Amino acid sequence: FSTKMYFSHARTKSYLSSILPHLTAEQN
């Protein structure tokens, strides 16, 4: 997906901090 112009720089960093644990978890 694209964030378009909805996200601030801080929100992008926070979003990635939230999604990356799902993507890197061994069980996934």
PDB file of all heavy atoms in Angstrom:
ATOM      1  N   PHE A   1       0.833  -1.193   0.000  1.00  0.00           N
ATOM      2  CA  PHE A   1       0.000   0.000   0.000  1.00  0.00           C
ATOM      3  C   PHE A   1       0.871   1.247   0.000  1.00  0.00           C
ATOM      4  O   PHE A   1       2.064   1.211   0.286  1.00  0.00           O
ATOM      5  CB  PHE A   1      -0.934   0.023   1.207  1.00  0.00           C
ATOM      6  CG  PHE A   1      -0.253   0.322   2.521  1.00  0.00           C
ATOM      7  CD1 PHE A   1      -0.305   1.600   3.060  1.00  0.00           C
ATOM      8  CD2 PHE A   1       0.442  -0.654   3.202  1.00  0.00           C
ATOM      9  CE1 PHE A   1       0.323   1.886   4.264  1.00  0.00           C
ATOM     10  CE2 PHE A   1       1.064  -0.384   4.408  1.00  0.00           C
ATOM     11  CZ  PHE A   1       1.014   0.894   4.939  1.00  0.00           C
ATOM     12  N   SER A   2       0.231   2.361  -0.347  1.00  0.00           N
ATOM     13  CA  SER A   2       0.859   3.681  -0.321  1.00  0.00           C
ATOM     14  C   SER A   2       0.271   4.493   0.828  1.00  0.00           C
ATOM     15  O   SER A   2      -0.941   4.443   1.078  1.00  0.00           O
ATOM     16  CB  SER A   2       0.610   4.403  -1.647  1.00  0.00           C
ATOM     17  OG  SER A   2       0.923   5.775  -1.549  1.00  0.00           O
ATOM     18  N   THR A   3       1.120   5.250   1.498  1.00  0.00           N
ATOM     19  CA  THR A   3       0.626   6.130   2.565  1.00  0.00           C
ATOM     20  C   THR A   3       0.113   7.454   2.006  1.00  0.00           C
ATOM     21  O   THR A   3      -0.429   8.273   2.757  1.00  0.00           O
ATOM     22  CB  THR A   3       1.723   6.431   3.593  1.00  0.00           C
ATOM     23  OG1 THR A   3       2.753   7.211   2.984  1.00  0.00           O
ATOM     24  CG2 THR A   3       2.327   5.143   4.153  1.00  0.00           C
ATOM     25  N   LYS A   4       0.301   7.665   0.691  1.00  0.00           N
ATOM     26  CA  LYS A   4      -0.070   8.943   0.057  1.00  0.00           C
ATOM     27  C   LYS A   4       0.513  10.101   0.882  1.00  0.00           C
ATOM     28  O   LYS A   4       1.701  10.107   1.186  1.00  0.00           O
ATOM     29  CB  LYS A   4      -1.580   9.045  -0.125  1.00  0.00           C
ATOM     30  CG  LYS A   4      -2.144   7.924  -0.993  1.00  0.00           C
ATOM     31  CD  LYS A   4      -3.561   8.196  -1.435  1.00  0.00           C
ATOM     32  CE  LYS A   4      -4.047   7.056  -2.330  1.00  0.00           C
ATOM     33  NZ  LYS A   4      -5.372   7.352  -2.897  1.00  0.00           N
ATOM     34  N   MET A   5      -0.316  11.083   1.286  1.00  0.00           N
ATOM     35  CA  MET A   5       0.177  12.172   2.130  1.00  0.00           C
ATOM     36  C   MET A   5      -0.552  12.150   3.479  1.00  0.00           C
ATOM     37  O   MET A   5      -0.713  13.174   4.137  1.00  0.00           O
ATOM     38  CB  MET A   5      -0.017  13.520   1.426  1.00  0.00           C
ATOM     39  CG  MET A   5       1.023  14.570   1.812  1.00  0.00           C
ATOM     40  SD  MET A   5       0.890  16.113   0.849  1.00  0.00           S
ATOM     41  CE  MET A   5      -0.595  16.833   1.567  1.00  0.00           C
ATOM     42  N   TYR A   6      -0.953  10.940   3.891  1.00  0.00           N
ATOM     43  CA  TYR A   6      -1.666  10.792   5.151  1.00  0.00           C
ATOM     44  C   TYR A   6      -0.736  10.682   6.354  1.00  0.00           C
ATOM     45  O   TYR A   6      -1.099  11.083   7.456  1.00  0.00           O
ATOM     46  CB  TYR A   6      -2.562   9.548   5.109  1.00  0.00           C
ATOM     47  CG  TYR A   6      -3.766   9.670   4.208  1.00  0.00           C
ATOM     48  CD1 TYR A   6      -3.884   8.896   3.066  1.00  0.00           C
ATOM     49  CD2 TYR A   6      -4.794  10.556   4.505  1.00  0.00           C
ATOM     50  CE1 TYR A   6      -4.993   8.994   2.236  1.00  0.00           C
ATOM     51  CE2 TYR A   6      -5.907  10.667   3.695  1.00  0.00           C
ATOM     52  CZ  TYR A   6      -6.002   9.881   2.559  1.00  0.00           C
ATOM     53  OH  TYR A   6      -7.101   9.993   1.738  1.00  0.00           O
ATOM     54  N   PHE A   7       0.448  10.097   6.154  1.00  0.00           N
ATOM     55  CA  PHE A   7       1.335   9.813   7.278  1.00  0.00           C
ATOM     56  C   PHE A   7       2.351  10.939   7.471  1.00  0.00           C
ATOM     57  O   PHE A   7       2.914  11.453   6.498  1.00  0.00           O
ATOM     58  CB  PHE A   7       2.118   8.521   7.036  1.00  0.00           C
ATOM     59  CG  PHE A   7       1.363   7.254   7.295  1.00  0.00           C
ATOM     60  CD1 PHE A   7      -0.014   7.195   7.185  1.00  0.00           C
ATOM     61  CD2 PHE A   7       2.049   6.091   7.632  1.00  0.00           C
ATOM     62  CE1 PHE A   7      -0.703   6.011   7.399  1.00  0.00           C
ATOM     63  CE2 PHE A   7       1.378   4.905   7.856  1.00  0.00           C
ATOM     64  CZ  PHE A   7      -0.001   4.862   7.743  1.00  0.00           C
ATOM     65  N   SER A   8       2.633  11.269   8.734  1.00  0.00           N
ATOM     66  CA  SER A   8       3.803  12.071   9.057  1.00  0.00           C
ATOM     67  C   SER A   8       5.031  11.165   9.066  1.00  0.00           C
ATOM     68  O   SER A   8       4.917   9.933   9.002  1.00  0.00           O
ATOM     69  CB  SER A   8       3.643  12.711  10.433  1.00  0.00           C
ATOM     70  OG  SER A   8       3.636  11.695  11.431  1.00  0.00           O
ATOM     71  N   HIS A   9       6.210  11.772   9.134  1.00  0.00           N
ATOM     72  CA  HIS A   9       7.429  10.981   9.214  1.00  0.00           C
ATOM     73  C   HIS A   9       7.402  10.101  10.467  1.00  0.00           C
ATOM     74  O   HIS A   9       7.757   8.909  10.427  1.00  0.00           O
ATOM     75  CB  HIS A   9       8.649  11.908   9.233  1.00  0.00           C
ATOM     76  CG  HIS A   9       9.955  11.197   9.319  1.00  0.00           C
ATOM     77  ND1 HIS A   9      10.380  10.297   8.366  1.00  0.00           N
ATOM     78  CD2 HIS A   9      10.942  11.241  10.251  1.00  0.00           C
ATOM     79  CE1 HIS A   9      11.570   9.829   8.701  1.00  0.00           C
ATOM     80  NE2 HIS A   9      11.923  10.374   9.843  1.00  0.00           N
ATOM     81  N   ALA A  10       6.962  10.679  11.575  1.00  0.00           N
ATOM     82  CA  ALA A  10       6.908   9.923  12.829  1.00  0.00           C
ATOM     83  C   ALA A  10       5.920   8.765  12.734  1.00  0.00           C
ATOM     84  O   ALA A  10       6.181   7.671  13.261  1.00  0.00           O
ATOM     85  CB  ALA A  10       6.522  10.856  13.978  1.00  0.00           C
ATOM     86  N   ARG A  11       4.786   8.992  12.073  1.00  0.00           N
ATOM     87  CA  ARG A  11       3.803   7.908  11.963  1.00  0.00           C
ATOM     88  C   ARG A  11       4.339   6.777  11.089  1.00  0.00           C
ATOM     89  O   ARG A  11       4.067   5.597  11.374  1.00  0.00           O
ATOM     90  CB  ARG A  11       2.488   8.437  11.390  1.00  0.00           C
ATOM     91  CG  ARG A  11       1.395   7.373  11.358  1.00  0.00           C
ATOM     92  CD  ARG A  11       0.083   7.905  10.829  1.00  0.00           C
ATOM     93  NE  ARG A  11      -0.891   6.827  10.678  1.00  0.00           N
ATOM     94  CZ  ARG A  11      -2.084   6.964  10.098  1.00  0.00           C
ATOM     95  NH1 ARG A  11      -2.466   8.143   9.632  1.00  0.00           N
ATOM     96  NH2 ARG A  11      -2.899   5.928   9.992  1.00  0.00           N
ATOM     97  N   THR A  12       5.083   7.104  10.038  1.00  0.00           N
ATOM     98  CA  THR A  12       5.675   6.054   9.205  1.00  0.00           C
ATOM     99  C   THR A  12       6.613   5.183  10.034  1.00  0.00           C
ATOM    100  O   THR A  12       6.576   3.948   9.953  1.00  0.00           O
ATOM    101  CB  THR A  12       6.436   6.669   8.020  1.00  0.00           C
ATOM    102  OG1 THR A  12       5.514   7.404   7.205  1.00  0.00           O
ATOM    103  CG2 THR A  12       7.091   5.585   7.169  1.00  0.00           C
ATOM    104  N   LYS A  13       7.456   5.814  10.842  1.00  0.00           N
ATOM    105  CA  LYS A  13       8.381   5.057  11.692  1.00  0.00           C
ATOM    106  C   LYS A  13       7.626   4.199  12.696  1.00  0.00           C
ATOM    107  O   LYS A  13       7.964   3.038  12.928  1.00  0.00           O
ATOM    108  CB  LYS A  13       9.334   6.010  12.406  1.00  0.00           C
ATOM    109  CG  LYS A  13      10.277   6.750  11.479  1.00  0.00           C
ATOM    110  CD  LYS A  13      11.160   7.735  12.225  1.00  0.00           C
ATOM    111  CE  LYS A  13      12.175   6.998  13.101  1.00  0.00           C
ATOM    112  NZ  LYS A  13      13.127   7.966  13.716  1.00  0.00           N
ATOM    113  N   SER A  14       6.575   4.760  13.275  1.00  0.00           N
ATOM    114  CA  SER A  14       5.777   4.015  14.242  1.00  0.00           C
ATOM    115  C   SER A  14       5.066   2.839  13.580  1.00  0.00           C
ATOM    116  O   SER A  14       4.994   1.732  14.152  1.00  0.00           O
ATOM    117  CB  SER A  14       4.748   4.952  14.890  1.00  0.00           C
ATOM    118  OG  SER A  14       3.879   4.244  15.748  1.00  0.00           O
ATOM    119  N   TYR A  15       4.538   3.075  12.378  1.00  0.00           N
ATOM    120  CA  TYR A  15       3.854   2.009  11.644  1.00  0.00           C
ATOM    121  C   TYR A  15       4.799   0.847  11.387  1.00  0.00           C
ATOM    122  O   TYR A  15       4.457  -0.319  11.621  1.00  0.00           O
ATOM    123  CB  TYR A  15       3.315   2.549  10.323  1.00  0.00           C
ATOM    124  CG  TYR A  15       2.484   1.554   9.550  1.00  0.00           C
ATOM    125  CD1 TYR A  15       1.096   1.584   9.620  1.00  0.00           C
ATOM    126  CD2 TYR A  15       3.077   0.569   8.765  1.00  0.00           C
ATOM    127  CE1 TYR A  15       0.327   0.672   8.926  1.00  0.00           C
ATOM    128  CE2 TYR A  15       2.318  -0.351   8.072  1.00  0.00           C
ATOM    129  CZ  TYR A  15       0.945  -0.297   8.156  1.00  0.00           C
ATOM    130  OH  TYR A  15       0.199  -1.237   7.465  1.00  0.00           O
ATOM    131  N   LEU A  16       5.988   1.149  10.901  1.00  0.00           N
ATOM    132  CA  LEU A  16       6.956   0.089  10.609  1.00  0.00           C
ATOM    133  C   LEU A  16       7.344  -0.655  11.882  1.00  0.00           C
ATOM    134  O   LEU A  16       7.524  -1.880  11.857  1.00  0.00           O
ATOM    135  CB  LEU A  16       8.184   0.686   9.923  1.00  0.00           C
ATOM    136  CG  LEU A  16       7.939   1.198   8.500  1.00  0.00           C
ATOM    137  CD1 LEU A  16       9.176   1.926   7.978  1.00  0.00           C
ATOM    138  CD2 LEU A  16       7.571   0.055   7.569  1.00  0.00           C
ATOM    139  N   SER A  17       7.469   0.066  12.984  1.00  0.00           N
ATOM    140  CA  SER A  17       7.787  -0.599  14.252  1.00  0.00           C
ATOM    141  C   SER A  17       6.697  -1.574  14.662  1.00  0.00           C
ATOM    142  O   SER A  17       6.963  -2.581  15.320  1.00  0.00           O
ATOM    143  CB  SER A  17       7.987   0.453  15.357  1.00  0.00           C
ATOM    144  OG  SER A  17       9.113   1.253  15.093  1.00  0.00           O
ATOM    145  N   SER A  18       5.452  -1.293  14.254  1.00  0.00           N
ATOM    146  CA  SER A  18       4.330  -2.166  14.601  1.00  0.00           C
ATOM    147  C   SER A  18       4.233  -3.379  13.685  1.00  0.00           C
ATOM    148  O   SER A  18       3.911  -4.482  14.140  1.00  0.00           O
ATOM    149  CB  SER A  18       3.018  -1.375  14.534  1.00  0.00           C
ATOM    150  OG  SER A  18       2.993  -0.343  15.489  1.00  0.00           O
ATOM    151  N   ILE A  19       4.486  -3.198  12.371  1.00  0.00           N
ATOM    152  CA  ILE A  19       4.279  -4.292  11.420  1.00  0.00           C
ATOM    153  C   ILE A  19       5.482  -5.220  11.308  1.00  0.00           C
ATOM    154  O   ILE A  19       5.328  -6.421  11.067  1.00  0.00           O
ATOM    155  CB  ILE A  19       3.892  -3.734  10.022  1.00  0.00           C
ATOM    156  CG1 ILE A  19       3.329  -4.837   9.129  1.00  0.00           C
ATOM    157  CG2 ILE A  19       5.056  -3.058   9.350  1.00  0.00           C
ATOM    158  CD1 ILE A  19       2.056  -5.480   9.594  1.00  0.00           C
ATOM    159  N   LEU A  20       6.688  -4.695  11.490  1.00  0.00           N
ATOM    160  CA  LEU A  20       7.871  -5.517  11.257  1.00  0.00           C
ATOM    161  C   LEU A  20       7.972  -6.733  12.179  1.00  0.00           C
ATOM    162  O   LEU A  20       8.409  -7.802  11.729  1.00  0.00           O
ATOM    163  CB  LEU A  20       9.136  -4.658  11.357  1.00  0.00           C
ATOM    164  CG  LEU A  20       9.361  -3.725  10.157  1.00  0.00           C
ATOM    165  CD1 LEU A  20      10.533  -2.783  10.429  1.00  0.00           C
ATOM    166  CD2 LEU A  20       9.607  -4.527   8.889  1.00  0.00           C
ATOM    167  N   PRO A  21       7.583  -6.657  13.450  1.00  0.00           N
ATOM    168  CA  PRO A  21       7.634  -7.873  14.275  1.00  0.00           C
ATOM    169  C   PRO A  21       6.787  -9.014  13.719  1.00  0.00           C
ATOM    170  O   PRO A  21       7.166 -10.185  13.836  1.00  0.00           O
ATOM    171  CB  PRO A  21       7.113  -7.394  15.631  1.00  0.00           C
ATOM    172  CG  PRO A  21       7.462  -5.943  15.680  1.00  0.00           C
ATOM    173  CD  PRO A  21       7.270  -5.462  14.271  1.00  0.00           C
ATOM    174  N   HIS A  22       5.636  -8.698  13.108  1.00  0.00           N
ATOM    175  CA  HIS A  22       4.827  -9.745  12.472  1.00  0.00           C
ATOM    176  C   HIS A  22       5.595 -10.384  11.313  1.00  0.00           C
ATOM    177  O   HIS A  22       5.571 -11.606  11.131  1.00  0.00           O
ATOM    178  CB  HIS A  22       3.524  -9.147  11.921  1.00  0.00           C
ATOM    179  CG  HIS A  22       2.544  -8.730  12.962  1.00  0.00           C
ATOM    180  ND1 HIS A  22       1.991  -9.607  13.863  1.00  0.00           N
ATOM    181  CD2 HIS A  22       1.997  -7.509  13.227  1.00  0.00           C
ATOM    182  CE1 HIS A  22       1.148  -8.964  14.651  1.00  0.00           C
ATOM    183  NE2 HIS A  22       1.133  -7.692  14.282  1.00  0.00           N
ATOM    184  N   LEU A  23       6.266  -9.548  10.517  1.00  0.00           N
ATOM    185  CA  LEU A  23       6.903 -10.025   9.298  1.00  0.00           C
ATOM    186  C   LEU A  23       8.191 -10.797   9.566  1.00  0.00           C
ATOM    187  O   LEU A  23       8.610 -11.602   8.728  1.00  0.00           O
ATOM    188  CB  LEU A  23       7.201  -8.850   8.366  1.00  0.00           C
ATOM    189  CG  LEU A  23       6.009  -7.969   7.984  1.00  0.00           C
ATOM    190  CD1 LEU A  23       6.443  -6.890   7.006  1.00  0.00           C
ATOM    191  CD2 LEU A  23       4.877  -8.796   7.398  1.00  0.00           C
ATOM    192  N   THR A  24       8.807 -10.544  10.696  1.00  0.00           N
ATOM    193  CA  THR A  24      10.086 -11.191  10.993  1.00  0.00           C
ATOM    194  C   THR A  24       9.969 -12.313  12.019  1.00  0.00           C
ATOM    195  O   THR A  24      10.957 -12.988  12.293  1.00  0.00           O
ATOM    196  CB  THR A  24      11.098 -10.151  11.493  1.00  0.00           C
ATOM    197  OG1 THR A  24      10.577  -9.471  12.638  1.00  0.00           O
ATOM    198  CG2 THR A  24      11.405  -9.130  10.403  1.00  0.00           C
ATOM    199  N   ALA A  25       8.771 -12.525  12.563  1.00  0.00           N
ATOM    200  CA  ALA A  25       8.589 -13.590  13.558  1.00  0.00           C
ATOM    201  C   ALA A  25       8.794 -14.955  12.918  1.00  0.00           C
ATOM    202  O   ALA A  25       8.322 -15.216  11.805  1.00  0.00           O
ATOM    203  CB  ALA A  25       7.193 -13.502  14.171  1.00  0.00           C
ATOM    204  N   GLU A  26       9.489 -15.833  13.614  1.00  0.00           N
ATOM    205  CA  GLU A  26       9.815 -17.147  13.055  1.00  0.00           C
ATOM    206  C   GLU A  26       8.567 -17.939  12.696  1.00  0.00           C
ATOM    207  O   GLU A  26       8.529 -18.637  11.672  1.00  0.00           O
ATOM    208  CB  GLU A  26      10.665 -17.933  14.059  1.00  0.00           C
ATOM    209  CG  GLU A  26      11.150 -19.270  13.547  1.00  0.00           C
ATOM    210  CD  GLU A  26      12.069 -19.967  14.525  1.00  0.00           C
ATOM    211  OE1 GLU A  26      12.447 -19.347  15.544  1.00  0.00           O
ATOM    212  OE2 GLU A  26      12.399 -21.150  14.283  1.00  0.00           O
ATOM    213  N   GLN A  27       7.511 -17.814  13.500  1.00  0.00           N
ATOM    214  CA  GLN A  27       6.305 -18.600  13.240  1.00  0.00           C
ATOM    215  C   GLN A  27       5.560 -18.121  11.998  1.00  0.00           C
ATOM    216  O   GLN A  27       4.695 -18.828  11.472  1.00  0.00           O
ATOM    217  CB  GLN A  27       5.356 -18.568  14.447  1.00  0.00           C
ATOM    218  CG  GLN A  27       4.765 -17.214  14.780  1.00  0.00           C
ATOM    219  CD  GLN A  27       5.601 -16.457  15.790  1.00  0.00           C
ATOM    220  OE1 GLN A  27       6.811 -16.644  15.876  1.00  0.00           O
ATOM    221  NE2 GLN A  27       4.953 -15.613  16.594  1.00  0.00           N
ATOM    222  N   ASN A  28       5.889 -16.934  11.507  1.00  0.00           N
ATOM    223  CA  ASN A  28       5.234 -16.403  10.312  1.00  0.00           C
ATOM    224  C   ASN A  28       6.090 -16.525   9.055  1.00  0.00           C
ATOM    225  O   ASN A  28       5.679 -16.079   7.985  1.00  0.00           O
ATOM    226  CB  ASN A  28       4.883 -14.927  10.521  1.00  0.00           C
ATOM    227  CG  ASN A  28       3.920 -14.720  11.668  1.00  0.00           C
ATOM    228  OD1 ASN A  28       3.104 -15.583  11.977  1.00  0.00           O
ATOM    229  ND2 ASN A  28       4.024 -13.570  12.329  1.00  0.00           N
TER     230      ASN A  28
END
